[in-house]
PDB file of all heavy atoms in Angstrom:
ATOM      1  N   VAL A   1      -5.216  13.119  -1.157  1.00  0.00           N
ATOM      2  CA  VAL A   1      -4.968  14.037  -2.267  1.00  0.00           C
ATOM      3  C   VAL A   1      -3.469  14.109  -2.557  1.00  0.00           C
ATOM      4  O   VAL A   1      -3.060  14.129  -3.725  1.00  0.00           O
ATOM      5  CB  VAL A   1      -5.525  15.446  -1.957  1.00  0.00           C
ATOM      6  CG1 VAL A   1      -5.181  16.429  -3.058  1.00  0.00           C
ATOM      7  CG2 VAL A   1      -7.029  15.383  -1.749  1.00  0.00           C
ATOM      8  N   SER A   2      -2.660  14.120  -1.518  1.00  0.00           N
ATOM      9  CA  SER A   2      -1.211  14.204  -1.737  1.00  0.00           C
ATOM     10  C   SER A   2      -0.700  12.960  -2.462  1.00  0.00           C
ATOM     11  O   SER A   2       0.216  13.054  -3.283  1.00  0.00           O
ATOM     12  CB  SER A   2      -0.453  14.425  -0.429  1.00  0.00           C
ATOM     13  OG  SER A   2      -0.654  13.352   0.458  1.00  0.00           O
ATOM     14  N   TYR A   3      -1.297  11.798  -2.207  1.00  0.00           N
ATOM     15  CA  TYR A   3      -0.891  10.578  -2.904  1.00  0.00           C
ATOM     16  C   TYR A   3      -1.285  10.647  -4.380  1.00  0.00           C
ATOM     17  O   TYR A   3      -0.508  10.268  -5.256  1.00  0.00           O
ATOM     18  CB  TYR A   3      -1.496   9.344  -2.225  1.00  0.00           C
ATOM     19  CG  TYR A   3      -0.941   8.034  -2.723  1.00  0.00           C
ATOM     20  CD1 TYR A   3       0.419   7.784  -2.728  1.00  0.00           C
ATOM     21  CD2 TYR A   3      -1.783   7.036  -3.176  1.00  0.00           C
ATOM     22  CE1 TYR A   3       0.925   6.575  -3.185  1.00  0.00           C
ATOM     23  CE2 TYR A   3      -1.292   5.819  -3.624  1.00  0.00           C
ATOM     24  CZ  TYR A   3       0.057   5.596  -3.629  1.00  0.00           C
ATOM     25  OH  TYR A   3       0.570   4.407  -4.080  1.00  0.00           O
ATOM     26  N   VAL A   4      -2.482  11.158  -4.677  1.00  0.00           N
ATOM     27  CA  VAL A   4      -2.888  11.354  -6.073  1.00  0.00           C
ATOM     28  C   VAL A   4      -1.885  12.270  -6.767  1.00  0.00           C
ATOM     29  O   VAL A   4      -1.433  11.999  -7.881  1.00  0.00           O
ATOM     30  CB  VAL A   4      -4.319  11.942  -6.186  1.00  0.00           C
ATOM     31  CG1 VAL A   4      -4.629  12.356  -7.619  1.00  0.00           C
ATOM     32  CG2 VAL A   4      -5.350  10.950  -5.687  1.00  0.00           C
ATOM     33  N   SER A   5      -1.514  13.347  -6.107  1.00  0.00           N
ATOM     34  CA  SER A   5      -0.554  14.291  -6.672  1.00  0.00           C
ATOM     35  C   SER A   5       0.786  13.610  -6.959  1.00  0.00           C
ATOM     36  O   SER A   5       1.365  13.790  -8.032  1.00  0.00           O
ATOM     37  CB  SER A   5      -0.358  15.469  -5.720  1.00  0.00           C
ATOM     38  OG  SER A   5       0.607  16.354  -6.220  1.00  0.00           O
ATOM     39  N   MET A   6       1.263  12.818  -6.011  1.00  0.00           N
ATOM     40  CA  MET A   6       2.537  12.113  -6.214  1.00  0.00           C
ATOM     41  C   MET A   6       2.435  11.104  -7.359  1.00  0.00           C
ATOM     42  O   MET A   6       3.376  10.959  -8.146  1.00  0.00           O
ATOM     43  CB  MET A   6       2.985  11.416  -4.929  1.00  0.00           C
ATOM     44  CG  MET A   6       3.470  12.374  -3.863  1.00  0.00           C
ATOM     45  SD  MET A   6       4.143  11.552  -2.409  1.00  0.00           S
ATOM     46  CE  MET A   6       2.640  11.056  -1.582  1.00  0.00           C
ATOM     47  N   LEU A   7       1.294  10.437  -7.468  1.00  0.00           N
ATOM     48  CA  LEU A   7       1.101   9.486  -8.567  1.00  0.00           C
ATOM     49  C   LEU A   7       1.120  10.216  -9.907  1.00  0.00           C
ATOM     50  O   LEU A   7       1.745   9.750 -10.868  1.00  0.00           O
ATOM     51  CB  LEU A   7      -0.217   8.726  -8.398  1.00  0.00           C
ATOM     52  CG  LEU A   7      -0.280   7.720  -7.262  1.00  0.00           C
ATOM     53  CD1 LEU A   7      -1.704   7.196  -7.097  1.00  0.00           C
ATOM     54  CD2 LEU A   7       0.693   6.578  -7.479  1.00  0.00           C
ATOM     55  N   GLU A   8       0.444  11.349  -9.984  1.00  0.00           N
ATOM     56  CA  GLU A   8       0.382  12.100 -11.237  1.00  0.00           C
ATOM     57  C   GLU A   8       1.731  12.714 -11.622  1.00  0.00           C
ATOM     58  O   GLU A   8       1.952  13.032 -12.782  1.00  0.00           O
ATOM     59  CB  GLU A   8      -0.679  13.199 -11.151  1.00  0.00           C
ATOM     60  CG  GLU A   8      -2.086  12.659 -11.192  1.00  0.00           C
ATOM     61  CD  GLU A   8      -3.135  13.754 -11.303  1.00  0.00           C
ATOM     62  OE1 GLU A   8      -2.791  14.960 -11.248  1.00  0.00           O
ATOM     63  OE2 GLU A   8      -4.325  13.398 -11.445  1.00  0.00           O
ATOM     64  N   ARG A   9       2.594  12.886 -10.669  1.00  0.00           N
ATOM     65  CA  ARG A   9       3.935  13.409 -10.957  1.00  0.00           C
ATOM     66  C   ARG A   9       4.944  12.282 -11.148  1.00  0.00           C
ATOM     67  O   ARG A   9       6.121  12.542 -11.389  1.00  0.00           O
ATOM     68  CB  ARG A   9       4.397  14.344  -9.843  1.00  0.00           C
ATOM     69  CG  ARG A   9       3.657  15.687  -9.886  1.00  0.00           C
ATOM     70  CD  ARG A   9       4.119  16.624  -8.795  1.00  0.00           C
ATOM     71  NE  ARG A   9       3.416  16.273  -7.557  1.00  0.00           N
ATOM     72  CZ  ARG A   9       3.985  16.242  -6.351  1.00  0.00           C
ATOM     73  NH1 ARG A   9       5.250  16.542  -6.189  1.00  0.00           N
ATOM     74  NH2 ARG A   9       3.278  15.911  -5.298  1.00  0.00           N
ATOM     75  N   GLY A  10       4.491  11.042 -11.037  1.00  0.00           N
ATOM     76  CA  GLY A  10       5.382   9.904 -11.220  1.00  0.00           C
ATOM     77  C   GLY A  10       6.350   9.711 -10.072  1.00  0.00           C
ATOM     78  O   GLY A  10       7.410   9.105 -10.241  1.00  0.00           O
ATOM     79  N   GLN A  11       5.982  10.187  -8.902  1.00  0.00           N
ATOM     80  CA  GLN A  11       6.865  10.081  -7.736  1.00  0.00           C
ATOM     81  C   GLN A  11       6.600   8.848  -6.897  1.00  0.00           C
ATOM     82  O   GLN A  11       7.377   8.539  -6.002  1.00  0.00           O
ATOM     83  CB  GLN A  11       6.740  11.329  -6.868  1.00  0.00           C
ATOM     84  CG  GLN A  11       7.250  12.569  -7.550  1.00  0.00           C
ATOM     85  CD  GLN A  11       7.139  13.797  -6.669  1.00  0.00           C
ATOM     86  OE1 GLN A  11       6.250  13.889  -5.827  1.00  0.00           O
ATOM     87  NE2 GLN A  11       8.038  14.733  -6.867  1.00  0.00           N
ATOM     88  N   ARG A  12       5.500   8.164  -7.162  1.00  0.00           N
ATOM     89  CA  ARG A  12       5.160   6.937  -6.433  1.00  0.00           C
ATOM     90  C   ARG A  12       4.684   5.887  -7.420  1.00  0.00           C
ATOM     91  O   ARG A  12       4.031   6.199  -8.413  1.00  0.00           O
ATOM     92  CB  ARG A  12       4.055   7.174  -5.402  1.00  0.00           C
ATOM     93  CG  ARG A  12       4.459   8.015  -4.229  1.00  0.00           C
ATOM     94  CD  ARG A  12       5.407   7.258  -3.296  1.00  0.00           C
ATOM     95  NE  ARG A  12       5.762   8.016  -2.125  1.00  0.00           N
ATOM     96  CZ  ARG A  12       6.820   8.810  -2.042  1.00  0.00           C
ATOM     97  NH1 ARG A  12       7.618   8.969  -3.072  1.00  0.00           N
ATOM     98  NH2 ARG A  12       7.081   9.450  -0.923  1.00  0.00           N
ATOM     99  N   SER A  13       4.969   4.655  -7.115  1.00  0.00           N
ATOM    100  CA  SER A  13       4.518   3.526  -7.915  1.00  0.00           C
ATOM    101  C   SER A  13       3.385   2.841  -7.135  1.00  0.00           C
ATOM    102  O   SER A  13       3.624   2.285  -6.061  1.00  0.00           O
ATOM    103  CB  SER A  13       5.685   2.566  -8.136  1.00  0.00           C
ATOM    104  OG  SER A  13       5.278   1.484  -8.907  1.00  0.00           O
ATOM    105  N   PRO A  14       2.167   2.869  -7.664  1.00  0.00           N
ATOM    106  CA  PRO A  14       1.031   2.352  -6.904  1.00  0.00           C
ATOM    107  C   PRO A  14       0.951   0.828  -6.946  1.00  0.00           C
ATOM    108  O   PRO A  14       1.377   0.197  -7.919  1.00  0.00           O
ATOM    109  CB  PRO A  14      -0.170   2.954  -7.636  1.00  0.00           C
ATOM    110  CG  PRO A  14       0.297   3.056  -9.046  1.00  0.00           C
ATOM    111  CD  PRO A  14       1.757   3.430  -8.950  1.00  0.00           C
ATOM    112  N   PRO A  15       0.367   0.230  -5.903  1.00  0.00           N
ATOM    113  CA  PRO A  15       0.106  -1.209  -5.950  1.00  0.00           C
ATOM    114  C   PRO A  15      -1.018  -1.507  -6.952  1.00  0.00           C
ATOM    115  O   PRO A  15      -1.791  -0.603  -7.320  1.00  0.00           O
ATOM    116  CB  PRO A  15      -0.329  -1.541  -4.520  1.00  0.00           C
ATOM    117  CG  PRO A  15      -0.768  -0.258  -3.925  1.00  0.00           C
ATOM    118  CD  PRO A  15      -0.021   0.839  -4.642  1.00  0.00           C
ATOM    119  N   LEU A  16      -1.114  -2.740  -7.379  1.00  0.00           N
ATOM    120  CA  LEU A  16      -2.131  -3.130  -8.352  1.00  0.00           C
ATOM    121  C   LEU A  16      -3.544  -2.801  -7.890  1.00  0.00           C
ATOM    122  O   LEU A  16      -4.392  -2.407  -8.699  1.00  0.00           O
ATOM    123  CB  LEU A  16      -2.024  -4.621  -8.664  1.00  0.00           C
ATOM    124  CG  LEU A  16      -0.782  -5.046  -9.445  1.00  0.00           C
ATOM    125  CD1 LEU A  16      -0.719  -6.562  -9.550  1.00  0.00           C
ATOM    126  CD2 LEU A  16      -0.760  -4.407 -10.816  1.00  0.00           C
ATOM    127  N   GLU A  17      -3.792  -2.941  -6.613  1.00  0.00           N
ATOM    128  CA  GLU A  17      -5.128  -2.653  -6.082  1.00  0.00           C
ATOM    129  C   GLU A  17      -5.506  -1.189  -6.303  1.00  0.00           C
ATOM    130  O   GLU A  17      -6.655  -0.875  -6.629  1.00  0.00           O
ATOM    131  CB  GLU A  17      -5.214  -2.977  -4.586  1.00  0.00           C
ATOM    132  CG  GLU A  17      -5.078  -4.445  -4.268  1.00  0.00           C
ATOM    133  CD  GLU A  17      -3.624  -4.930  -4.212  1.00  0.00           C
ATOM    134  OE1 GLU A  17      -2.682  -4.107  -4.232  1.00  0.00           O
ATOM    135  OE2 GLU A  17      -3.429  -6.150  -4.165  1.00  0.00           O
ATOM    136  N   THR A  18      -4.542  -0.299  -6.140  1.00  0.00           N
ATOM    137  CA  THR A  18      -4.805   1.126  -6.347  1.00  0.00           C
ATOM    138  C   THR A  18      -5.022   1.412  -7.823  1.00  0.00           C
ATOM    139  O   THR A  18      -5.909   2.199  -8.184  1.00  0.00           O
ATOM    140  CB  THR A  18      -3.644   1.977  -5.789  1.00  0.00           C
ATOM    141  OG1 THR A  18      -3.520   1.717  -4.393  1.00  0.00           O
ATOM    142  CG2 THR A  18      -3.892   3.465  -6.004  1.00  0.00           C
ATOM    143  N   ILE A  19      -4.255   0.779  -8.695  1.00  0.00           N
ATOM    144  CA  ILE A  19      -4.452   0.945 -10.140  1.00  0.00           C
ATOM    145  C   ILE A  19      -5.867   0.512 -10.513  1.00  0.00           C
ATOM    146  O   ILE A  19      -6.572   1.201 -11.250  1.00  0.00           O
ATOM    147  CB  ILE A  19      -3.401   0.151 -10.934  1.00  0.00           C
ATOM    148  CG1 ILE A  19      -2.011   0.746 -10.716  1.00  0.00           C
ATOM    149  CG2 ILE A  19      -3.756   0.135 -12.428  1.00  0.00           C
ATOM    150  CD1 ILE A  19      -0.876  -0.075 -11.292  1.00  0.00           C
ATOM    151  N   GLU A  20      -6.285  -0.608  -9.978  1.00  0.00           N
ATOM    152  CA  GLU A  20      -7.623  -1.131 -10.255  1.00  0.00           C
ATOM    153  C   GLU A  20      -8.707  -0.167  -9.767  1.00  0.00           C
ATOM    154  O   GLU A  20      -9.672   0.119 -10.482  1.00  0.00           O
ATOM    155  CB  GLU A  20      -7.770  -2.490  -9.576  1.00  0.00           C
ATOM    156  CG  GLU A  20      -8.951  -3.304 -10.027  1.00  0.00           C
ATOM    157  CD  GLU A  20      -8.880  -4.713  -9.473  1.00  0.00           C
ATOM    158  OE1 GLU A  20      -8.809  -4.871  -8.242  1.00  0.00           O
ATOM    159  OE2 GLU A  20      -8.908  -5.633 -10.288  1.00  0.00           O
ATOM    160  N   LYS A  21      -8.557   0.362  -8.566  1.00  0.00           N
ATOM    161  CA  LYS A  21      -9.535   1.307  -8.008  1.00  0.00           C
ATOM    162  C   LYS A  21      -9.566   2.609  -8.806  1.00  0.00           C
ATOM    163  O   LYS A  21     -10.637   3.181  -9.035  1.00  0.00           O
ATOM    164  CB  LYS A  21      -9.227   1.604  -6.544  1.00  0.00           C
ATOM    165  CG  LYS A  21      -9.531   0.459  -5.614  1.00  0.00           C
ATOM    166  CD  LYS A  21      -9.129   0.808  -4.190  1.00  0.00           C
ATOM    167  CE  LYS A  21      -9.322  -0.351  -3.249  1.00  0.00           C
ATOM    168  NZ  LYS A  21      -8.893  -0.022  -1.877  1.00  0.00           N
ATOM    169  N   MET A  22      -8.390   3.077  -9.233  1.00  0.00           N
ATOM    170  CA  MET A  22      -8.338   4.315 -10.017  1.00  0.00           C
ATOM    171  C   MET A  22      -9.019   4.115 -11.363  1.00  0.00           C
ATOM    172  O   MET A  22      -9.760   4.989 -11.827  1.00  0.00           O
ATOM    173  CB  MET A  22      -6.890   4.782 -10.208  1.00  0.00           C
ATOM    174  CG  MET A  22      -6.268   5.253  -8.911  1.00  0.00           C
ATOM    175  SD  MET A  22      -4.684   6.016  -9.169  1.00  0.00           S
ATOM    176  CE  MET A  22      -5.192   7.707  -9.270  1.00  0.00           C
ATOM    177  N   ALA A  23      -8.771   2.978 -11.988  1.00  0.00           N
ATOM    178  CA  ALA A  23      -9.401   2.687 -13.274  1.00  0.00           C
ATOM    179  C   ALA A  23     -10.921   2.668 -13.133  1.00  0.00           C
ATOM    180  O   ALA A  23     -11.636   3.248 -13.960  1.00  0.00           O
ATOM    181  CB  ALA A  23      -8.888   1.358 -13.817  1.00  0.00           C
ATOM    182  N   LYS A  24     -11.407   2.026 -12.089  1.00  0.00           N
ATOM    183  CA  LYS A  24     -12.849   1.967 -11.862  1.00  0.00           C
ATOM    184  C   LYS A  24     -13.423   3.366 -11.644  1.00  0.00           C
ATOM    185  O   LYS A  24     -14.459   3.714 -12.214  1.00  0.00           O
ATOM    186  CB  LYS A  24     -13.155   1.073 -10.659  1.00  0.00           C
ATOM    187  CG  LYS A  24     -14.621   0.846 -10.435  1.00  0.00           C
ATOM    188  CD  LYS A  24     -14.870  -0.154  -9.330  1.00  0.00           C
ATOM    189  CE  LYS A  24     -16.369  -0.367  -9.154  1.00  0.00           C
ATOM    190  NZ  LYS A  24     -16.671  -1.349  -8.131  1.00  0.00           N
ATOM    191  N   ALA A  25     -12.746   4.169 -10.844  1.00  0.00           N
ATOM    192  CA  ALA A  25     -13.206   5.539 -10.574  1.00  0.00           C
ATOM    193  C   ALA A  25     -13.221   6.387 -11.842  1.00  0.00           C
ATOM    194  O   ALA A  25     -14.076   7.258 -12.011  1.00  0.00           O
ATOM    195  CB  ALA A  25     -12.313   6.190  -9.518  1.00  0.00           C
ATOM    196  N   LEU A  26     -12.281   6.122 -12.745  1.00  0.00           N
ATOM    197  CA  LEU A  26     -12.180   6.881 -13.993  1.00  0.00           C
ATOM    198  C   LEU A  26     -13.005   6.268 -15.118  1.00  0.00           C
ATOM    199  O   LEU A  26     -13.095   6.830 -16.210  1.00  0.00           O
ATOM    200  CB  LEU A  26     -10.713   7.009 -14.409  1.00  0.00           C
ATOM    201  CG  LEU A  26      -9.846   7.861 -13.474  1.00  0.00           C
ATOM    202  CD1 LEU A  26      -8.371   7.659 -13.779  1.00  0.00           C
ATOM    203  CD2 LEU A  26     -10.230   9.340 -13.579  1.00  0.00           C
ATOM    204  N   GLY A  27     -13.574   5.082 -14.881  1.00  0.00           N
ATOM    205  CA  GLY A  27     -14.428   4.440 -15.879  1.00  0.00           C
ATOM    206  C   GLY A  27     -13.686   3.864 -17.064  1.00  0.00           C
ATOM    207  O   GLY A  27     -14.202   3.896 -18.187  1.00  0.00           O
ATOM    208  N   VAL A  28     -12.477   3.366 -16.813  1.00  0.00           N
ATOM    209  CA  VAL A  28     -11.664   2.792 -17.896  1.00  0.00           C
ATOM    210  C   VAL A  28     -11.097   1.445 -17.452  1.00  0.00           C
ATOM    211  O   VAL A  28     -11.015   1.171 -16.256  1.00  0.00           O
ATOM    212  CB  VAL A  28     -10.505   3.741 -18.295  1.00  0.00           C
ATOM    213  CG1 VAL A  28     -11.038   5.059 -18.830  1.00  0.00           C
ATOM    214  CG2 VAL A  28      -9.559   3.971 -17.127  1.00  0.00           C
TER     215      VAL A  28
END
C-alpha cells in the first residue's frame, strides 16, 4: 500500500512490469 501511495504522489518511478500489472488491474 505504501508503494501505491508513493506512486500516486509521483515519489517513485515504477518498473515496466509494475506499470503493466497496474494497467491490467485497472482494466486499461
